[in-house]
Amino acid sequence: MSLLLYVTVVLIWGTTWIAIVMQQGVVDPTVSVFYRFVLAAGVLMVTLLLSGRLKPLRGRDHLWCLAQGASVFCLNFYCFYHAVSYISSGMEAVIFSMAVLFNALSSALFFRQPIKRGFWLAALLGLSGMLTLFWPELASANPEPGLFIGIGLSLLGTYCFSLGNMISARHQRHGLDLWTTNGWGMSYGALFTGLLVVGQGLPLTLDTRPSYLGALLYLALFGSIVAFAAYFQLLKRIGASQAAYSTLLFPLVALSVSTLFEDYHWQLSSVLGMVLILVGNLAMFPHLLRWPLSRLTRPALDSATR
């Protein structure tokens, strides 16, 4: 079961980046995020209601779902949907793999977990990888300002995702139902994104091209409902450290797809940069280098999810 969850997360989230690119153009990115979570939350909440699986939550738990909605189901996607206007979707996925580092910082901050010995080495390798990856653009005579905007938005979106991880860990520590908290979190995320749409005076236009509508359905149903449920369930079954390893494989899938559909050109600097980032993340969890598939066949809770 865990192996199936793991493969599901890697394949779905590794391909959602290009689906976000397919939504660029007619509809403002913020509106696209709004459509995504209105659809995802609507389908999930109706399904839970009809099946009788929507569990009651205390007021305090609703506040945490509000925070989860704002961080992971609103700001996280707001940042990445806008960043893809400046950098390729594959580059976004590479930056997103640094969620492992952000998770370590967030765990230390919110759960007082000691930072692992390999953290500073991992951080150094990760930052070196980022510089190497973008060095051709940074070293140009007049680097495009949009490059820095894209990098900054991707880093901010990654940290918002990490905060959502911490809130999910909090839900699990209190024995809350995964589907219920995801449903409310997505609902609140849609609400917050809707407020951004209204606040910016954005028109609720809809792109009727099959590519846009298909991407919207894929992102809402698979990228949101299925993938988040699989990831948080995987986190519960095998532990946060092992589940986070999946983010290291997203760039391999995303850059491969970007090469096919975005005409992304591999350079020595991009290969070396990606390797440095992946090695840096692995430095956080060196045991994963000898991690057998048998770990995916039995549940194991670490201290972050107990």
C-alpha atoms as a PDB file:
ATOM      1  CA  MET A   1       0.000   0.000   0.000  1.00  0.00           C
ATOM      2  CA  SER A   2       2.763   2.452   0.937  1.00  0.00           C
ATOM      3  CA  LEU A   3       4.639   1.771  -2.300  1.00  0.00           C
ATOM      4  CA  LEU A   4       1.486   2.566  -4.272  1.00  0.00           C
ATOM      5  CA  LEU A   5       1.040   5.821  -2.330  1.00  0.00           C
ATOM      6  CA  TYR A   6       4.676   6.759  -2.924  1.00  0.00           C
ATOM      7  CA  VAL A   7       4.541   6.148  -6.683  1.00  0.00           C
ATOM      8  CA  THR A   8       1.230   8.012  -6.878  1.00  0.00           C
ATOM      9  CA  VAL A   9       2.682  11.116  -5.220  1.00  0.00           C
ATOM     10  CA  VAL A  10       5.820  11.172  -7.374  1.00  0.00           C
ATOM     11  CA  LEU A  11       4.031  10.667 -10.691  1.00  0.00           C
ATOM     12  CA  ILE A  12       1.160  13.070 -10.021  1.00  0.00           C
ATOM     13  CA  TRP A  13       3.107  15.922  -8.440  1.00  0.00           C
ATOM     14  CA  GLY A  14       5.972  15.388 -10.876  1.00  0.00           C
ATOM     15  CA  THR A  15       3.586  16.153 -13.752  1.00  0.00           C
ATOM     16  CA  THR A  16       1.368  18.855 -12.220  1.00  0.00           C
ATOM     17  CA  TRP A  17       4.028  21.471 -12.976  1.00  0.00           C
ATOM     18  CA  ILE A  18       3.468  21.213 -16.724  1.00  0.00           C
ATOM     19  CA  ALA A  19      -0.301  21.261 -16.175  1.00  0.00           C
ATOM     20  CA  ILE A  20       0.129  24.637 -14.462  1.00  0.00           C
ATOM     21  CA  VAL A  21       2.002  25.878 -17.550  1.00  0.00           C
ATOM     22  CA  MET A  22      -0.930  24.752 -19.716  1.00  0.00           C
ATOM     23  CA  GLN A  23      -3.171  27.144 -17.767  1.00  0.00           C
ATOM     24  CA  GLN A  24      -1.070  30.208 -18.561  1.00  0.00           C
ATOM     25  CA  GLY A  25      -2.480  32.835 -20.915  1.00  0.00           C
ATOM     26  CA  VAL A  26      -6.126  33.888 -20.895  1.00  0.00           C
ATOM     27  CA  VAL A  27      -6.978  33.397 -17.213  1.00  0.00           C
ATOM     28  CA  ASP A  28      -5.072  35.212 -14.467  1.00  0.00           C
ATOM     29  CA  PRO A  29      -2.998  32.723 -12.399  1.00  0.00           C
ATOM     30  CA  THR A  30      -4.788  33.711  -9.182  1.00  0.00           C
ATOM     31  CA  VAL A  31      -8.152  32.979 -10.780  1.00  0.00           C
ATOM     32  CA  SER A  32      -6.848  29.602 -11.977  1.00  0.00           C
ATOM     33  CA  VAL A  33      -5.848  28.728  -8.403  1.00  0.00           C
ATOM     34  CA  PHE A  34      -9.324  29.800  -7.274  1.00  0.00           C
ATOM     35  CA  TYR A  35     -11.026  27.578  -9.879  1.00  0.00           C
ATOM     36  CA  ARG A  36      -8.773  24.654  -8.905  1.00  0.00           C
ATOM     37  CA  PHE A  37      -9.683  24.671  -5.236  1.00  0.00           C
ATOM     38  CA  VAL A  38     -13.340  25.572  -5.663  1.00  0.00           C
ATOM     39  CA  LEU A  39     -13.612  22.462  -7.821  1.00  0.00           C
ATOM     40  CA  ALA A  40     -11.409  20.288  -5.583  1.00  0.00           C
ATOM     41  CA  ALA A  41     -13.096  21.373  -2.352  1.00  0.00           C
ATOM     42  CA  GLY A  42     -16.562  21.073  -3.862  1.00  0.00           C
ATOM     43  CA  VAL A  43     -16.019  17.525  -5.134  1.00  0.00           C
ATOM     44  CA  LEU A  44     -14.324  16.378  -1.922  1.00  0.00           C
ATOM     45  CA  MET A  45     -16.823  17.937   0.506  1.00  0.00           C
ATOM     46  CA  VAL A  46     -19.874  16.695  -1.429  1.00  0.00           C
ATOM     47  CA  THR A  47     -18.361  13.203  -1.564  1.00  0.00           C
ATOM     48  CA  LEU A  48     -17.683  13.231   2.176  1.00  0.00           C
ATOM     49  CA  LEU A  49     -21.185  14.478   2.971  1.00  0.00           C
ATOM     50  CA  LEU A  50     -22.918  11.922   0.766  1.00  0.00           C
ATOM     51  CA  SER A  51     -20.797   9.080   2.140  1.00  0.00           C
ATOM     52  CA  GLY A  52     -21.204  10.207   5.751  1.00  0.00           C
ATOM     53  CA  ARG A  53     -17.421  10.496   6.174  1.00  0.00           C
ATOM     54  CA  LEU A  54     -17.284  14.203   7.034  1.00  0.00           C
ATOM     55  CA  LYS A  55     -16.262  14.246  10.687  1.00  0.00           C
ATOM     56  CA  PRO A  56     -17.076  17.066  13.130  1.00  0.00           C
ATOM     57  CA  LEU A  57     -14.220  19.386  14.109  1.00  0.00           C
ATOM     58  CA  ARG A  58     -13.800  21.592  17.147  1.00  0.00           C
ATOM     59  CA  GLY A  59     -13.498  25.343  16.710  1.00  0.00           C
ATOM     60  CA  ARG A  60      -9.762  25.192  17.420  1.00  0.00           C
ATOM     61  CA  ASP A  61      -9.314  22.545  14.733  1.00  0.00           C
ATOM     62  CA  HIS A  62     -11.168  24.738  12.233  1.00  0.00           C
ATOM     63  CA  LEU A  63      -8.696  27.539  12.968  1.00  0.00           C
ATOM     64  CA  TRP A  64      -5.823  25.194  12.154  1.00  0.00           C
ATOM     65  CA  CYS A  65      -7.606  24.185   8.944  1.00  0.00           C
ATOM     66  CA  LEU A  66      -7.875  27.893   8.162  1.00  0.00           C
ATOM     67  CA  ALA A  67      -4.114  28.195   8.600  1.00  0.00           C
ATOM     68  CA  GLN A  68      -3.567  25.120   6.457  1.00  0.00           C
ATOM     69  CA  GLY A  69      -5.828  26.518   3.762  1.00  0.00           C
ATOM     70  CA  ALA A  70      -4.015  29.854   3.740  1.00  0.00           C
ATOM     71  CA  SER A  71      -0.542  28.319   3.625  1.00  0.00           C
ATOM     72  CA  VAL A  72      -0.637  25.202   1.467  1.00  0.00           C
ATOM     73  CA  PHE A  73      -3.913  25.516  -0.462  1.00  0.00           C
ATOM     74  CA  CYS A  74      -3.670  29.244  -1.226  1.00  0.00           C
ATOM     75  CA  LEU A  75      -0.286  30.983  -0.887  1.00  0.00           C
ATOM     76  CA  ASN A  76       1.735  27.917  -1.912  1.00  0.00           C
ATOM     77  CA  PHE A  77      -0.075  27.660  -5.237  1.00  0.00           C
ATOM     78  CA  TYR A  78      -0.426  31.410  -5.670  1.00  0.00           C
ATOM     79  CA  CYS A  79       3.382  31.649  -5.632  1.00  0.00           C
ATOM     80  CA  PHE A  80       4.041  28.746  -7.986  1.00  0.00           C
ATOM     81  CA  TYR A  81       1.329  29.705 -10.480  1.00  0.00           C
ATOM     82  CA  HIS A  82       2.867  33.172 -10.781  1.00  0.00           C
ATOM     83  CA  ALA A  83       6.482  31.949 -10.732  1.00  0.00           C
ATOM     84  CA  VAL A  84       5.974  29.838 -13.868  1.00  0.00           C
ATOM     85  CA  SER A  85       5.673  33.096 -15.830  1.00  0.00           C
ATOM     86  CA  TYR A  86       9.360  33.737 -15.082  1.00  0.00           C
ATOM     87  CA  ILE A  87      11.069  30.322 -14.863  1.00  0.00           C
ATOM     88  CA  SER A  88      10.329  26.894 -16.331  1.00  0.00           C
ATOM     89  CA  SER A  89       8.114  24.408 -14.528  1.00  0.00           C
ATOM     90  CA  GLY A  90      11.081  22.050 -14.200  1.00  0.00           C
ATOM     91  CA  MET A  91      13.093  24.748 -12.437  1.00  0.00           C
ATOM     92  CA  GLU A  92      10.167  25.255 -10.057  1.00  0.00           C
ATOM     93  CA  ALA A  93      10.195  21.556  -9.219  1.00  0.00           C
ATOM     94  CA  VAL A  94      13.936  21.662  -8.494  1.00  0.00           C
ATOM     95  CA  ILE A  95      13.462  24.538  -6.039  1.00  0.00           C
ATOM     96  CA  PHE A  96      10.480  22.753  -4.513  1.00  0.00           C
ATOM     97  CA  SER A  97      12.729  19.785  -3.670  1.00  0.00           C
ATOM     98  CA  MET A  98      14.276  22.022  -1.002  1.00  0.00           C
ATOM     99  CA  ALA A  99      11.100  21.427   1.023  1.00  0.00           C
ATOM    100  CA  VAL A 100      13.169  18.857   2.908  1.00  0.00           C
ATOM    101  CA  LEU A 101      15.345  21.665   4.306  1.00  0.00           C
ATOM    102  CA  PHE A 102      12.356  23.846   5.119  1.00  0.00           C
ATOM    103  CA  ASN A 103      10.702  20.914   6.886  1.00  0.00           C
ATOM    104  CA  ALA A 104      13.758  20.537   9.116  1.00  0.00           C
ATOM    105  CA  LEU A 105      13.616  24.215  10.086  1.00  0.00           C
ATOM    106  CA  SER A 106       9.852  24.119  10.621  1.00  0.00           C
ATOM    107  CA  SER A 107      10.060  20.953  12.734  1.00  0.00           C
ATOM    108  CA  ALA A 108      12.693  22.584  14.939  1.00  0.00           C
ATOM    109  CA  LEU A 109      10.586  25.737  15.258  1.00  0.00           C
ATOM    110  CA  PHE A 110       7.164  24.200  15.869  1.00  0.00           C
ATOM    111  CA  PHE A 111       7.903  20.760  17.359  1.00  0.00           C
ATOM    112  CA  ARG A 112      11.308  21.523  18.925  1.00  0.00           C
ATOM    113  CA  GLN A 113      12.891  18.655  17.074  1.00  0.00           C
ATOM    114  CA  PRO A 114      16.701  18.927  16.973  1.00  0.00           C
ATOM    115  CA  ILE A 115      18.149  19.844  13.596  1.00  0.00           C
ATOM    116  CA  LYS A 116      19.976  16.886  12.098  1.00  0.00           C
ATOM    117  CA  ARG A 117      23.746  16.957  11.878  1.00  0.00           C
ATOM    118  CA  GLY A 118      23.679  17.073   8.096  1.00  0.00           C
ATOM    119  CA  PHE A 119      21.465  20.162   7.930  1.00  0.00           C
ATOM    120  CA  TRP A 120      24.150  22.809   7.442  1.00  0.00           C
ATOM    121  CA  LEU A 121      25.957  20.719   4.842  1.00  0.00           C
ATOM    122  CA  ALA A 122      22.631  20.154   3.095  1.00  0.00           C
ATOM    123  CA  ALA A 123      21.839  23.873   3.195  1.00  0.00           C
ATOM    124  CA  LEU A 124      25.256  24.749   1.755  1.00  0.00           C
ATOM    125  CA  LEU A 125      24.917  22.193  -1.034  1.00  0.00           C
ATOM    126  CA  GLY A 126      21.353  23.315  -1.747  1.00  0.00           C
ATOM    127  CA  LEU A 127      22.273  26.996  -2.046  1.00  0.00           C
ATOM    128  CA  SER A 128      25.324  26.113  -4.153  1.00  0.00           C
ATOM    129  CA  GLY A 129      23.082  24.053  -6.396  1.00  0.00           C
ATOM    130  CA  MET A 130      20.649  26.945  -6.785  1.00  0.00           C
ATOM    131  CA  LEU A 131      23.465  29.310  -7.796  1.00  0.00           C
ATOM    132  CA  THR A 132      24.895  26.750 -10.232  1.00  0.00           C
ATOM    133  CA  LEU A 133      21.497  25.984 -11.723  1.00  0.00           C
ATOM    134  CA  PHE A 134      20.753  29.616 -12.499  1.00  0.00           C
ATOM    135  CA  TRP A 135      24.334  30.741 -13.071  1.00  0.00           C
ATOM    136  CA  PRO A 136      24.031  31.354 -16.849  1.00  0.00           C
ATOM    137  CA  GLU A 137      21.169  33.799 -16.228  1.00  0.00           C
ATOM    138  CA  LEU A 138      22.798  35.344 -13.142  1.00  0.00           C
ATOM    139  CA  ALA A 139      26.133  35.821 -14.917  1.00  0.00           C
ATOM    140  CA  SER A 140      24.628  37.548 -17.943  1.00  0.00           C
ATOM    141  CA  ALA A 141      25.378  41.229 -18.393  1.00  0.00           C
ATOM    142  CA  ASN A 142      21.807  42.224 -17.597  1.00  0.00           C
ATOM    143  CA  PRO A 143      20.050  39.368 -15.749  1.00  0.00           C
ATOM    144  CA  GLU A 144      16.310  39.465 -16.160  1.00  0.00           C
ATOM    145  CA  PRO A 145      14.524  40.800 -13.045  1.00  0.00           C
ATOM    146  CA  GLY A 146      11.870  38.157 -13.641  1.00  0.00           C
ATOM    147  CA  LEU A 147      14.401  35.439 -12.848  1.00  0.00           C
ATOM    148  CA  PHE A 148      14.761  36.692  -9.278  1.00  0.00           C
ATOM    149  CA  ILE A 149      10.985  37.055  -8.979  1.00  0.00           C
ATOM    150  CA  GLY A 150      10.512  33.461 -10.112  1.00  0.00           C
ATOM    151  CA  ILE A 151      13.138  32.141  -7.692  1.00  0.00           C
ATOM    152  CA  GLY A 152      11.758  34.188  -4.795  1.00  0.00           C
ATOM    153  CA  LEU A 153       8.165  33.126  -5.420  1.00  0.00           C
ATOM    154  CA  SER A 154       9.189  29.469  -5.674  1.00  0.00           C
ATOM    155  CA  LEU A 155      11.115  29.620  -2.401  1.00  0.00           C
ATOM    156  CA  LEU A 156       8.189  31.319  -0.655  1.00  0.00           C
ATOM    157  CA  GLY A 157       5.758  28.775  -2.085  1.00  0.00           C
ATOM    158  CA  THR A 158       7.984  25.933  -0.877  1.00  0.00           C
ATOM    159  CA  TYR A 159       8.053  27.313   2.652  1.00  0.00           C
ATOM    160  CA  CYS A 160       4.264  27.688   2.629  1.00  0.00           C
ATOM    161  CA  PHE A 161       4.054  24.013   1.617  1.00  0.00           C
ATOM    162  CA  SER A 162       6.354  23.156   4.525  1.00  0.00           C
ATOM    163  CA  LEU A 163       4.075  25.030   6.930  1.00  0.00           C
ATOM    164  CA  GLY A 164       1.179  22.975   5.590  1.00  0.00           C
ATOM    165  CA  ASN A 165       3.182  19.830   6.359  1.00  0.00           C
ATOM    166  CA  MET A 166       3.580  20.951   9.955  1.00  0.00           C
ATOM    167  CA  ILE A 167      -0.141  21.635  10.286  1.00  0.00           C
ATOM    168  CA  SER A 168      -0.937  18.202   8.840  1.00  0.00           C
ATOM    169  CA  ALA A 169       1.438  16.677  11.410  1.00  0.00           C
ATOM    170  CA  ARG A 170      -0.469  18.581  14.085  1.00  0.00           C
ATOM    171  CA  HIS A 171      -3.782  17.182  12.755  1.00  0.00           C
ATOM    172  CA  GLN A 172      -2.423  13.657  12.939  1.00  0.00           C
ATOM    173  CA  ARG A 173      -1.049  14.126  16.440  1.00  0.00           C
ATOM    174  CA  HIS A 174      -4.596  15.010  17.504  1.00  0.00           C
ATOM    175  CA  GLY A 175      -6.150  12.058  15.676  1.00  0.00           C
ATOM    176  CA  LEU A 176      -8.132  14.128  13.169  1.00  0.00           C
ATOM    177  CA  ASP A 177      -9.572  12.538  10.041  1.00  0.00           C
ATOM    178  CA  LEU A 178      -7.323  13.161   7.017  1.00  0.00           C
ATOM    179  CA  TRP A 179     -10.116  13.550   4.458  1.00  0.00           C
ATOM    180  CA  THR A 180     -12.072  15.927   6.695  1.00  0.00           C
ATOM    181  CA  THR A 181      -9.115  18.240   7.395  1.00  0.00           C
ATOM    182  CA  ASN A 182      -8.130  18.222   3.717  1.00  0.00           C
ATOM    183  CA  GLY A 183     -11.699  19.049   2.708  1.00  0.00           C
ATOM    184  CA  TRP A 184     -11.961  21.985   5.084  1.00  0.00           C
ATOM    185  CA  GLY A 185      -8.407  23.100   4.298  1.00  0.00           C
ATOM    186  CA  MET A 186      -9.149  23.206   0.571  1.00  0.00           C
ATOM    187  CA  SER A 187     -12.430  25.007   1.230  1.00  0.00           C
ATOM    188  CA  TYR A 188     -10.683  27.680   3.259  1.00  0.00           C
ATOM    189  CA  GLY A 189      -7.919  27.834   0.646  1.00  0.00           C
ATOM    190  CA  ALA A 190     -10.527  28.530  -2.037  1.00  0.00           C
ATOM    191  CA  LEU A 191     -12.043  31.204   0.216  1.00  0.00           C
ATOM    192  CA  PHE A 192      -8.714  32.958   0.767  1.00  0.00           C
ATOM    193  CA  THR A 193      -7.877  32.800  -2.943  1.00  0.00           C
ATOM    194  CA  GLY A 194     -11.315  34.192  -3.746  1.00  0.00           C
ATOM    195  CA  LEU A 195     -10.595  37.138  -1.469  1.00  0.00           C
ATOM    196  CA  LEU A 196      -7.355  37.736  -3.396  1.00  0.00           C
ATOM    197  CA  VAL A 197      -9.315  37.677  -6.654  1.00  0.00           C
ATOM    198  CA  VAL A 198     -11.844  40.206  -5.338  1.00  0.00           C
ATOM    199  CA  GLY A 199      -9.157  42.349  -3.713  1.00  0.00           C
ATOM    200  CA  GLN A 200      -7.234  42.605  -6.985  1.00  0.00           C
ATOM    201  CA  GLY A 201     -10.383  43.180  -9.018  1.00  0.00           C
ATOM    202  CA  LEU A 202      -9.629  40.230 -11.300  1.00  0.00           C
ATOM    203  CA  PRO A 203     -12.308  39.104 -13.787  1.00  0.00           C
ATOM    204  CA  LEU A 204     -13.604  35.551 -13.466  1.00  0.00           C
ATOM    205  CA  THR A 205     -12.872  34.670 -17.064  1.00  0.00           C
ATOM    206  CA  LEU A 206     -12.746  31.028 -18.161  1.00  0.00           C
ATOM    207  CA  ASP A 207     -10.529  29.599 -20.873  1.00  0.00           C
ATOM    208  CA  THR A 208     -12.645  27.050 -22.740  1.00  0.00           C
ATOM    209  CA  ARG A 209      -9.751  25.425 -24.597  1.00  0.00           C
ATOM    210  CA  PRO A 210      -9.599  21.653 -23.967  1.00  0.00           C
ATOM    211  CA  SER A 211      -5.983  22.019 -22.791  1.00  0.00           C
ATOM    212  CA  TYR A 212      -6.957  24.490 -20.059  1.00  0.00           C
ATOM    213  CA  LEU A 213     -10.053  22.610 -18.918  1.00  0.00           C
ATOM    214  CA  GLY A 214      -8.213  19.287 -18.972  1.00  0.00           C
ATOM    215  CA  ALA A 215      -5.365  20.742 -16.918  1.00  0.00           C
ATOM    216  CA  LEU A 216      -7.889  22.218 -14.473  1.00  0.00           C
ATOM    217  CA  LEU A 217      -9.587  18.857 -13.951  1.00  0.00           C
ATOM    218  CA  TYR A 218      -6.247  17.074 -13.567  1.00  0.00           C
ATOM    219  CA  LEU A 219      -4.936  19.607 -11.054  1.00  0.00           C
ATOM    220  CA  ALA A 220      -8.151  19.689  -9.020  1.00  0.00           C
ATOM    221  CA  LEU A 221      -8.985  15.995  -8.916  1.00  0.00           C
ATOM    222  CA  PHE A 222      -5.585  14.339  -9.074  1.00  0.00           C
ATOM    223  CA  GLY A 223      -3.074  17.068  -8.155  1.00  0.00           C
ATOM    224  CA  SER A 224      -5.166  18.232  -5.184  1.00  0.00           C
ATOM    225  CA  ILE A 225      -7.601  15.599  -3.886  1.00  0.00           C
ATOM    226  CA  VAL A 226      -5.711  12.400  -4.725  1.00  0.00           C
ATOM    227  CA  ALA A 227      -2.093  13.552  -4.366  1.00  0.00           C
ATOM    228  CA  PHE A 228      -2.492  15.441  -1.082  1.00  0.00           C
ATOM    229  CA  ALA A 229      -4.428  12.552   0.461  1.00  0.00           C
ATOM    230  CA  ALA A 230      -1.743  10.110  -0.709  1.00  0.00           C
ATOM    231  CA  TYR A 231       1.120  12.305   0.542  1.00  0.00           C
ATOM    232  CA  PHE A 232      -0.346  12.965   3.986  1.00  0.00           C
ATOM    233  CA  GLN A 233      -1.317   9.285   4.315  1.00  0.00           C
ATOM    234  CA  LEU A 234       2.212   8.306   3.304  1.00  0.00           C
ATOM    235  CA  LEU A 235       3.599  10.707   5.901  1.00  0.00           C
ATOM    236  CA  LYS A 236       1.452   8.950   8.497  1.00  0.00           C
ATOM    237  CA  ARG A 237       2.421   5.408   7.437  1.00  0.00           C
ATOM    238  CA  ILE A 238       6.195   5.632   6.920  1.00  0.00           C
ATOM    239  CA  GLY A 239       7.145   8.888   8.640  1.00  0.00           C
ATOM    240  CA  ALA A 240       7.784  12.457   7.590  1.00  0.00           C
ATOM    241  CA  SER A 241      11.448  11.897   6.722  1.00  0.00           C
ATOM    242  CA  GLN A 242      10.796   9.058   4.284  1.00  0.00           C
ATOM    243  CA  ALA A 243       7.723  10.727   2.770  1.00  0.00           C
ATOM    244  CA  ALA A 244       9.747  13.896   2.121  1.00  0.00           C
ATOM    245  CA  TYR A 245      12.111  11.847  -0.018  1.00  0.00           C
ATOM    246  CA  SER A 246       9.447  11.884  -2.735  1.00  0.00           C
ATOM    247  CA  THR A 247      10.095  15.599  -3.312  1.00  0.00           C
ATOM    248  CA  LEU A 248      13.614  14.714  -4.460  1.00  0.00           C
ATOM    249  CA  LEU A 249      12.204  12.783  -7.396  1.00  0.00           C
ATOM    250  CA  PHE A 250       9.821  15.503  -8.612  1.00  0.00           C
ATOM    251  CA  PRO A 251      12.559  17.405 -10.501  1.00  0.00           C
ATOM    252  CA  LEU A 252      13.539  14.303 -12.446  1.00  0.00           C
ATOM    253  CA  VAL A 253       9.962  13.849 -13.655  1.00  0.00           C
ATOM    254  CA  ALA A 254       9.246  17.565 -14.094  1.00  0.00           C
ATOM    255  CA  LEU A 255      12.447  18.413 -15.994  1.00  0.00           C
ATOM    256  CA  SER A 256      11.912  15.425 -18.271  1.00  0.00           C
ATOM    257  CA  VAL A 257       8.395  16.635 -19.057  1.00  0.00           C
ATOM    258  CA  SER A 258       9.651  20.227 -19.407  1.00  0.00           C
ATOM    259  CA  THR A 259      12.231  19.044 -21.938  1.00  0.00           C
ATOM    260  CA  LEU A 260       9.457  17.542 -24.062  1.00  0.00           C
ATOM    261  CA  PHE A 261       6.816  20.266 -23.783  1.00  0.00           C
ATOM    262  CA  GLU A 262       8.651  23.494 -22.892  1.00  0.00           C
ATOM    263  CA  ASP A 263      11.756  22.956 -25.022  1.00  0.00           C
ATOM    264  CA  TYR A 264      13.914  23.110 -21.899  1.00  0.00           C
ATOM    265  CA  HIS A 265      17.603  22.816 -22.862  1.00  0.00           C
ATOM    266  CA  TRP A 266      19.916  20.957 -20.516  1.00  0.00           C
ATOM    267  CA  GLN A 267      23.285  22.579 -19.824  1.00  0.00           C
ATOM    268  CA  LEU A 268      26.219  21.438 -17.734  1.00  0.00           C
ATOM    269  CA  SER A 269      25.312  24.043 -15.104  1.00  0.00           C
ATOM    270  CA  SER A 270      21.701  22.817 -14.900  1.00  0.00           C
ATOM    271  CA  VAL A 271      22.766  19.180 -14.501  1.00  0.00           C
ATOM    272  CA  LEU A 272      25.404  20.045 -11.888  1.00  0.00           C
ATOM    273  CA  GLY A 273      23.015  22.363 -10.036  1.00  0.00           C
ATOM    274  CA  MET A 274      20.292  19.734  -9.844  1.00  0.00           C
ATOM    275  CA  VAL A 275      22.785  17.123  -8.644  1.00  0.00           C
ATOM    276  CA  LEU A 276      24.047  19.463  -5.889  1.00  0.00           C
ATOM    277  CA  ILE A 277      20.494  20.157  -4.700  1.00  0.00           C
ATOM    278  CA  LEU A 278      19.570  16.465  -4.681  1.00  0.00           C
ATOM    279  CA  VAL A 279      22.793  15.498  -2.894  1.00  0.00           C
ATOM    280  CA  GLY A 280      22.226  18.319  -0.416  1.00  0.00           C
ATOM    281  CA  ASN A 281      18.754  17.026   0.371  1.00  0.00           C
ATOM    282  CA  LEU A 282      20.074  13.493   0.705  1.00  0.00           C
ATOM    283  CA  ALA A 283      22.666  14.790   3.188  1.00  0.00           C
ATOM    284  CA  MET A 284      19.715  15.483   5.484  1.00  0.00           C
ATOM    285  CA  PHE A 285      18.803  11.779   5.430  1.00  0.00           C
ATOM    286  CA  PRO A 286      21.921   9.740   4.538  1.00  0.00           C
ATOM    287  CA  HIS A 287      20.149   6.524   5.532  1.00  0.00           C
ATOM    288  CA  LEU A 288      17.930   6.948   2.482  1.00  0.00           C
ATOM    289  CA  LEU A 289      20.901   6.003   0.286  1.00  0.00           C
ATOM    290  CA  ARG A 290      20.525   2.484   1.636  1.00  0.00           C
ATOM    291  CA  TRP A 291      16.758   2.696   2.055  1.00  0.00           C
ATOM    292  CA  PRO A 292      15.264  -0.665   0.987  1.00  0.00           C
ATOM    293  CA  LEU A 293      11.871  -0.914  -0.644  1.00  0.00           C
ATOM    294  CA  SER A 294      10.810  -2.989   2.342  1.00  0.00           C
ATOM    295  CA  ARG A 295      10.439   0.291   4.248  1.00  0.00           C
ATOM    296  CA  LEU A 296       7.510   1.033   1.980  1.00  0.00           C
ATOM    297  CA  THR A 297       5.772  -2.180   2.917  1.00  0.00           C
ATOM    298  CA  ARG A 298       5.414  -1.537   6.622  1.00  0.00           C
ATOM    299  CA  PRO A 299       4.172   1.544   8.472  1.00  0.00           C
ATOM    300  CA  ALA A 300       6.620   3.468  10.661  1.00  0.00           C
ATOM    301  CA  LEU A 301       5.796   6.615  12.580  1.00  0.00           C
ATOM    302  CA  ASP A 302       8.561   9.023  13.498  1.00  0.00           C
ATOM    303  CA  SER A 303       8.482  11.574  16.257  1.00  0.00           C
ATOM    304  CA  ALA A 304       6.908  14.204  14.040  1.00  0.00           C
ATOM    305  CA  THR A 305       3.727  12.204  13.564  1.00  0.00           C
ATOM    306  CA  ARG A 306       3.256  10.520  16.900  1.00  0.00           C
END
